[in-house]
């Protein structure tokens, strides 16, 4: 996984009447733009998790089953924001996820927002 959705997790369950079904556009299977990883995004308790379902052999620091726990809140125009926790690296990131049809961009920041990284994703079946 390692969405490098750089941490951003809100708490979807804290929003009255909000469920992952309302955010169906984020749920599903996604392929990372560099072709090195695929993830499944689904609810996991009160959060949303991105779990690695496939990692290209030889990809360093990632493995199948790794999970990013996102506490994100839906905003307008397909933008979610919040935090993400990466238990494999024990890091929390500020996260923004932008979804436009079958395209998703994740942007995560650490160190008070000074170090950021964005990753493009494509929805897969």
N, C-alpha and C. Protein backbone atom coordinates (compact mmCIF):
# COMPACT_ATOMS: atom_id res chain seq x y z
N UNK A 1 0.83 -1.15 0.00
CA UNK A 1 0.00 0.00 0.00
C UNK A 1 0.88 1.21 0.00
N UNK A 2 1.15 1.81 1.08
CA UNK A 2 1.93 3.02 1.19
C UNK A 2 1.40 4.01 0.19
N UNK A 3 0.17 4.35 0.33
CA UNK A 3 -0.44 5.33 -0.55
C UNK A 3 0.40 6.57 -0.57
N UNK A 4 1.19 6.66 0.36
CA UNK A 4 1.98 7.84 0.56
C UNK A 4 0.99 8.93 0.37
N UNK A 5 -0.10 8.58 0.86
CA UNK A 5 -1.23 9.45 0.95
C UNK A 5 -0.81 10.36 2.05
N UNK A 6 0.31 10.49 2.20
CA UNK A 6 0.95 11.09 3.33
C UNK A 6 -0.12 11.46 4.32
N UNK A 7 0.07 11.01 5.49
CA UNK A 7 -0.95 10.98 6.51
C UNK A 7 -1.96 12.08 6.48
N UNK A 8 -3.14 11.64 6.51
CA UNK A 8 -4.29 12.51 6.62
C UNK A 8 -5.42 11.63 7.02
N UNK A 9 -5.88 11.80 8.20
CA UNK A 9 -6.98 10.98 8.63
C UNK A 9 -7.94 11.82 9.45
N UNK A 10 -9.21 11.74 9.11
CA UNK A 10 -10.19 12.54 9.87
C UNK A 10 -10.98 11.53 10.66
N UNK A 11 -12.21 11.61 10.82
CA UNK A 11 -12.99 10.53 11.39
C UNK A 11 -14.34 10.59 10.72
N UNK A 12 -14.49 9.78 9.69
CA UNK A 12 -15.73 9.79 8.91
C UNK A 12 -16.93 9.47 9.78
N UNK A 13 -16.73 8.59 10.73
CA UNK A 13 -17.87 8.19 11.55
C UNK A 13 -18.35 9.31 12.45
N UNK A 14 -17.56 10.34 12.63
CA UNK A 14 -17.96 11.45 13.49
C UNK A 14 -18.93 12.39 12.78
N UNK A 15 -19.10 12.21 11.48
CA UNK A 15 -19.99 13.06 10.71
C UNK A 15 -21.38 12.42 10.74
N UNK A 16 -22.37 13.12 11.28
CA UNK A 16 -23.71 12.54 11.36
C UNK A 16 -24.20 12.05 10.00
N UNK A 17 -24.60 10.79 9.97
CA UNK A 17 -25.17 10.23 8.75
C UNK A 17 -24.15 9.86 7.69
N UNK A 18 -22.86 10.06 7.96
CA UNK A 18 -21.86 9.73 6.95
C UNK A 18 -21.42 8.29 7.10
N UNK A 19 -21.39 7.60 5.96
CA UNK A 19 -20.84 6.26 5.93
C UNK A 19 -19.97 6.16 4.69
N UNK A 20 -19.19 5.11 4.59
CA UNK A 20 -18.35 4.93 3.41
C UNK A 20 -19.20 4.87 2.15
N UNK A 21 -20.44 4.45 2.28
CA UNK A 21 -21.31 4.39 1.10
C UNK A 21 -21.50 5.78 0.50
N UNK A 22 -21.53 6.82 1.32
CA UNK A 22 -21.64 8.18 0.81
C UNK A 22 -20.36 8.60 0.10
N UNK A 23 -19.28 7.95 0.40
CA UNK A 23 -18.00 8.27 -0.20
C UNK A 23 -17.57 7.13 -1.12
N UNK A 24 -18.53 6.51 -1.78
CA UNK A 24 -18.25 5.33 -2.60
C UNK A 24 -17.18 5.60 -3.64
N UNK A 25 -17.00 6.84 -4.02
CA UNK A 25 -16.00 7.13 -5.04
C UNK A 25 -14.57 6.87 -4.55
N UNK A 26 -14.33 6.87 -3.25
CA UNK A 26 -12.98 6.58 -2.75
C UNK A 26 -12.79 5.07 -2.53
N UNK A 27 -13.85 4.35 -2.23
CA UNK A 27 -13.76 2.92 -1.98
C UNK A 27 -13.48 2.17 -3.28
N UNK A 28 -12.69 1.13 -3.17
CA UNK A 28 -12.42 0.29 -4.34
C UNK A 28 -10.95 -0.03 -4.47
N UNK A 29 -10.59 -0.50 -5.65
CA UNK A 29 -9.22 -0.91 -5.94
C UNK A 29 -8.54 0.14 -6.81
N UNK A 30 -7.30 0.47 -6.46
CA UNK A 30 -6.56 1.53 -7.14
C UNK A 30 -5.15 1.07 -7.47
N UNK A 31 -4.64 1.48 -8.63
CA UNK A 31 -3.27 1.19 -9.04
C UNK A 31 -2.46 2.48 -8.96
N UNK A 32 -1.30 2.39 -8.34
CA UNK A 32 -0.43 3.57 -8.22
C UNK A 32 0.15 3.91 -9.58
N UNK A 33 0.30 5.19 -9.84
CA UNK A 33 0.76 5.69 -11.13
C UNK A 33 2.09 5.14 -11.60
N UNK A 34 2.99 4.81 -10.69
CA UNK A 34 4.30 4.28 -11.09
C UNK A 34 4.24 2.78 -11.40
N UNK A 35 3.07 2.16 -11.21
CA UNK A 35 2.91 0.74 -11.52
C UNK A 35 3.49 -0.20 -10.48
N UNK A 36 3.94 0.32 -9.34
CA UNK A 36 4.60 -0.52 -8.34
C UNK A 36 3.68 -1.04 -7.25
N UNK A 37 2.43 -0.58 -7.20
CA UNK A 37 1.56 -1.01 -6.11
C UNK A 37 0.09 -0.91 -6.50
N UNK A 38 -0.71 -1.75 -5.85
CA UNK A 38 -2.18 -1.70 -5.94
C UNK A 38 -2.71 -1.76 -4.52
N UNK A 39 -3.78 -1.01 -4.28
CA UNK A 39 -4.38 -0.99 -2.95
C UNK A 39 -5.89 -1.17 -3.05
N UNK A 40 -6.46 -1.63 -1.95
CA UNK A 40 -7.91 -1.69 -1.79
C UNK A 40 -8.26 -0.69 -0.69
N UNK A 41 -9.16 0.22 -1.00
CA UNK A 41 -9.60 1.21 -0.01
C UNK A 41 -11.00 0.82 0.44
N UNK A 42 -11.15 0.67 1.75
CA UNK A 42 -12.43 0.24 2.33
C UNK A 42 -12.49 0.72 3.78
N UNK A 43 -13.69 0.71 4.33
CA UNK A 43 -13.81 1.09 5.73
C UNK A 43 -13.14 0.03 6.60
N UNK A 44 -12.60 0.49 7.72
CA UNK A 44 -12.01 -0.41 8.71
C UNK A 44 -12.33 0.20 10.07
N UNK A 45 -13.39 -0.28 10.66
CA UNK A 45 -13.86 0.32 11.89
C UNK A 45 -14.42 1.69 11.58
N UNK A 46 -14.04 2.69 12.34
CA UNK A 46 -14.54 4.05 12.12
C UNK A 46 -13.68 4.83 11.14
N UNK A 47 -12.63 4.21 10.62
CA UNK A 47 -11.72 4.86 9.68
C UNK A 47 -11.84 4.24 8.29
N UNK A 48 -10.97 4.67 7.41
CA UNK A 48 -10.85 4.09 6.07
C UNK A 48 -9.42 3.59 5.95
N UNK A 49 -9.26 2.38 5.42
CA UNK A 49 -7.92 1.81 5.26
C UNK A 49 -7.60 1.58 3.80
N UNK A 50 -6.37 1.86 3.46
CA UNK A 50 -5.82 1.52 2.15
C UNK A 50 -4.84 0.38 2.42
N UNK A 51 -5.14 -0.78 1.87
CA UNK A 51 -4.35 -1.98 2.13
C UNK A 51 -3.68 -2.44 0.84
N UNK A 52 -2.37 -2.65 0.90
CA UNK A 52 -1.66 -3.15 -0.27
C UNK A 52 -2.18 -4.53 -0.65
N UNK A 53 -2.61 -4.66 -1.90
CA UNK A 53 -3.05 -5.96 -2.39
C UNK A 53 -2.03 -6.57 -3.34
N UNK A 54 -1.13 -5.74 -3.86
CA UNK A 54 -0.07 -6.23 -4.75
C UNK A 54 1.07 -5.21 -4.73
N UNK A 55 2.30 -5.71 -4.65
CA UNK A 55 3.49 -4.88 -4.70
C UNK A 55 4.42 -5.49 -5.75
N UNK A 56 4.93 -4.66 -6.64
CA UNK A 56 5.86 -5.13 -7.66
C UNK A 56 7.08 -5.72 -6.97
N UNK A 57 7.50 -6.92 -7.37
CA UNK A 57 8.68 -7.53 -6.76
C UNK A 57 9.88 -6.58 -6.82
N UNK A 58 10.60 -6.51 -5.71
CA UNK A 58 11.78 -5.66 -5.64
C UNK A 58 11.50 -4.24 -5.16
N UNK A 59 10.22 -3.93 -4.90
CA UNK A 59 9.88 -2.61 -4.39
C UNK A 59 10.27 -2.55 -2.91
N UNK A 60 11.16 -1.65 -2.60
CA UNK A 60 11.68 -1.56 -1.23
C UNK A 60 10.65 -0.99 -0.27
N UNK A 61 10.71 -1.46 0.96
CA UNK A 61 9.94 -0.95 2.10
C UNK A 61 8.43 -1.12 1.99
N UNK A 62 7.96 -1.93 1.08
CA UNK A 62 6.52 -2.16 0.98
C UNK A 62 6.27 -3.65 0.80
N UNK A 63 5.11 -4.09 1.32
CA UNK A 63 4.74 -5.49 1.12
C UNK A 63 3.22 -5.61 1.10
N UNK A 64 2.75 -6.69 0.53
CA UNK A 64 1.31 -6.96 0.53
C UNK A 64 0.82 -7.01 1.96
N UNK A 65 -0.36 -6.46 2.18
CA UNK A 65 -0.95 -6.47 3.51
C UNK A 65 -0.65 -5.23 4.33
N UNK A 66 0.38 -4.46 3.95
CA UNK A 66 0.64 -3.20 4.66
C UNK A 66 -0.61 -2.34 4.54
N UNK A 67 -0.85 -1.55 5.59
CA UNK A 67 -2.10 -0.79 5.65
C UNK A 67 -1.82 0.65 6.07
N UNK A 68 -2.53 1.57 5.46
CA UNK A 68 -2.53 2.97 5.85
C UNK A 68 -3.91 3.27 6.40
N UNK A 69 -3.98 3.74 7.63
CA UNK A 69 -5.26 4.02 8.28
C UNK A 69 -5.55 5.51 8.14
N UNK A 70 -6.63 5.83 7.43
CA UNK A 70 -6.95 7.22 7.15
C UNK A 70 -8.17 7.68 7.95
N UNK A 71 -8.03 8.80 8.57
CA UNK A 71 -9.14 9.47 9.22
C UNK A 71 -9.37 10.72 8.40
N UNK A 72 -10.25 10.60 7.41
CA UNK A 72 -10.46 11.68 6.47
C UNK A 72 -11.92 12.09 6.43
N UNK A 73 -12.13 13.32 6.04
CA UNK A 73 -13.46 13.89 5.99
C UNK A 73 -13.74 14.36 4.58
N UNK A 74 -14.91 14.04 4.05
CA UNK A 74 -15.22 14.49 2.69
C UNK A 74 -15.48 15.99 2.67
N UNK A 75 -14.96 16.63 1.63
CA UNK A 75 -15.21 18.05 1.42
C UNK A 75 -16.01 18.23 0.15
N UNK A 76 -15.70 19.24 -0.59
CA UNK A 76 -16.41 19.49 -1.85
C UNK A 76 -15.58 19.01 -3.03
N UNK A 77 -16.24 18.79 -4.13
CA UNK A 77 -15.60 18.44 -5.40
C UNK A 77 -14.66 17.25 -5.32
N UNK A 78 -15.03 16.21 -4.57
CA UNK A 78 -14.24 14.99 -4.51
C UNK A 78 -12.96 15.11 -3.70
N UNK A 79 -12.87 16.09 -2.82
CA UNK A 79 -11.67 16.27 -2.00
C UNK A 79 -11.95 15.81 -0.57
N UNK A 80 -11.06 14.97 -0.06
CA UNK A 80 -11.12 14.49 1.32
C UNK A 80 -9.87 15.02 2.01
N UNK A 81 -9.98 15.34 3.28
CA UNK A 81 -8.78 15.78 3.99
C UNK A 81 -8.83 15.26 5.42
N UNK A 82 -7.66 15.17 6.00
CA UNK A 82 -7.54 14.67 7.36
C UNK A 82 -6.13 14.20 7.62
N UNK A 83 -6.03 13.04 8.27
CA UNK A 83 -4.72 12.48 8.59
C UNK A 83 -4.68 11.01 8.21
N UNK A 84 -3.48 10.50 8.13
CA UNK A 84 -3.28 9.06 7.86
C UNK A 84 -2.18 8.57 8.78
N UNK A 85 -2.36 7.36 9.27
CA UNK A 85 -1.35 6.74 10.12
C UNK A 85 -0.79 5.52 9.40
N UNK A 86 0.53 5.47 9.31
CA UNK A 86 1.24 4.35 8.70
C UNK A 86 1.87 3.54 9.82
N UNK A 87 1.21 2.44 10.26
CA UNK A 87 1.74 1.66 11.38
C UNK A 87 3.08 0.99 11.08
N UNK A 88 3.38 0.71 9.81
CA UNK A 88 4.65 0.07 9.47
C UNK A 88 5.82 1.02 9.75
N UNK A 89 5.61 2.31 9.57
CA UNK A 89 6.67 3.30 9.77
C UNK A 89 6.44 4.15 11.02
N UNK A 90 5.32 3.92 11.69
CA UNK A 90 4.93 4.68 12.88
C UNK A 90 4.93 6.19 12.60
N UNK A 91 4.34 6.57 11.45
CA UNK A 91 4.26 7.97 11.04
C UNK A 91 2.81 8.37 10.83
N UNK A 92 2.54 9.62 11.17
CA UNK A 92 1.23 10.20 10.89
C UNK A 92 1.44 11.34 9.93
N UNK A 93 0.59 11.40 8.92
CA UNK A 93 0.70 12.40 7.87
C UNK A 93 -0.56 13.26 7.82
N UNK A 94 -0.41 14.48 7.37
CA UNK A 94 -1.55 15.30 7.00
C UNK A 94 -1.86 14.87 5.57
N UNK A 95 -3.13 14.58 5.28
CA UNK A 95 -3.48 13.97 4.00
C UNK A 95 -4.58 14.71 3.29
N UNK A 96 -4.43 14.82 1.98
CA UNK A 96 -5.49 15.31 1.10
C UNK A 96 -5.63 14.29 -0.03
N UNK A 97 -6.85 13.87 -0.29
CA UNK A 97 -7.16 12.93 -1.36
C UNK A 97 -8.13 13.62 -2.30
N UNK A 98 -7.79 13.67 -3.58
CA UNK A 98 -8.67 14.29 -4.57
C UNK A 98 -9.07 13.23 -5.58
N UNK A 99 -10.38 13.06 -5.75
CA UNK A 99 -10.89 12.06 -6.68
C UNK A 99 -11.66 12.75 -7.79
N UNK A 100 -11.32 12.36 -9.02
CA UNK A 100 -11.99 12.90 -10.20
C UNK A 100 -12.28 11.71 -11.12
N UNK A 101 -13.49 11.17 -11.04
CA UNK A 101 -13.84 9.98 -11.82
C UNK A 101 -13.01 8.80 -11.38
N UNK A 102 -12.27 8.21 -12.32
CA UNK A 102 -11.43 7.05 -12.02
C UNK A 102 -9.99 7.42 -11.72
N UNK A 103 -9.75 8.68 -11.41
CA UNK A 103 -8.40 9.16 -11.07
C UNK A 103 -8.40 9.66 -9.63
N UNK A 104 -7.33 9.39 -8.93
CA UNK A 104 -7.20 9.85 -7.55
C UNK A 104 -5.76 10.36 -7.37
N UNK A 105 -5.63 11.45 -6.63
CA UNK A 105 -4.32 11.97 -6.25
C UNK A 105 -4.29 12.06 -4.74
N UNK A 106 -3.23 11.50 -4.16
CA UNK A 106 -3.05 11.60 -2.72
C UNK A 106 -1.85 12.50 -2.47
N UNK A 107 -1.97 13.33 -1.47
CA UNK A 107 -0.86 14.22 -1.10
C UNK A 107 -0.73 14.18 0.41
N UNK A 108 0.44 13.73 0.86
CA UNK A 108 0.69 13.64 2.29
C UNK A 108 1.86 14.49 2.69
N UNK A 109 1.76 15.05 3.88
CA UNK A 109 2.82 15.93 4.39
C UNK A 109 3.19 15.54 5.81
N UNK A 110 4.47 15.71 6.13
CA UNK A 110 4.99 15.51 7.48
C UNK A 110 5.81 16.74 7.85
N UNK A 111 6.34 16.74 9.05
CA UNK A 111 7.18 17.83 9.55
C UNK A 111 6.47 19.17 9.36
N UNK A 112 5.31 19.29 10.01
CA UNK A 112 4.53 20.53 9.99
C UNK A 112 4.21 20.98 8.57
N UNK A 113 4.04 20.02 7.66
CA UNK A 113 3.67 20.35 6.30
C UNK A 113 4.82 20.79 5.41
N UNK A 114 6.05 20.63 5.89
CA UNK A 114 7.21 21.07 5.11
C UNK A 114 7.67 20.03 4.09
N UNK A 115 7.44 18.76 4.37
CA UNK A 115 7.82 17.70 3.44
C UNK A 115 6.56 17.02 2.94
N UNK A 116 6.29 17.19 1.64
CA UNK A 116 5.07 16.64 1.06
C UNK A 116 5.39 15.80 -0.17
N UNK A 117 4.49 14.87 -0.45
CA UNK A 117 4.64 14.03 -1.64
C UNK A 117 3.26 13.73 -2.18
N UNK A 118 3.13 13.82 -3.48
CA UNK A 118 1.87 13.50 -4.13
C UNK A 118 2.02 12.26 -4.99
N UNK A 119 0.94 11.48 -5.05
CA UNK A 119 0.94 10.25 -5.85
C UNK A 119 -0.37 10.18 -6.62
N UNK A 120 -0.29 9.79 -7.89
CA UNK A 120 -1.46 9.60 -8.72
C UNK A 120 -1.85 8.13 -8.74
N UNK A 121 -3.17 7.89 -8.81
CA UNK A 121 -3.74 6.55 -8.79
C UNK A 121 -4.82 6.45 -9.87
N UNK A 122 -5.07 5.23 -10.35
CA UNK A 122 -6.14 4.97 -11.30
C UNK A 122 -6.99 3.83 -10.76
N UNK A 123 -8.32 4.01 -10.82
CA UNK A 123 -9.22 2.95 -10.35
C UNK A 123 -9.09 1.74 -11.26
N UNK A 124 -9.08 0.54 -10.64
CA UNK A 124 -9.02 -0.71 -11.39
C UNK A 124 -10.17 -1.61 -10.94
N UNK A 125 -10.51 -2.59 -11.76
CA UNK A 125 -11.58 -3.53 -11.43
C UNK A 125 -11.02 -4.73 -10.70
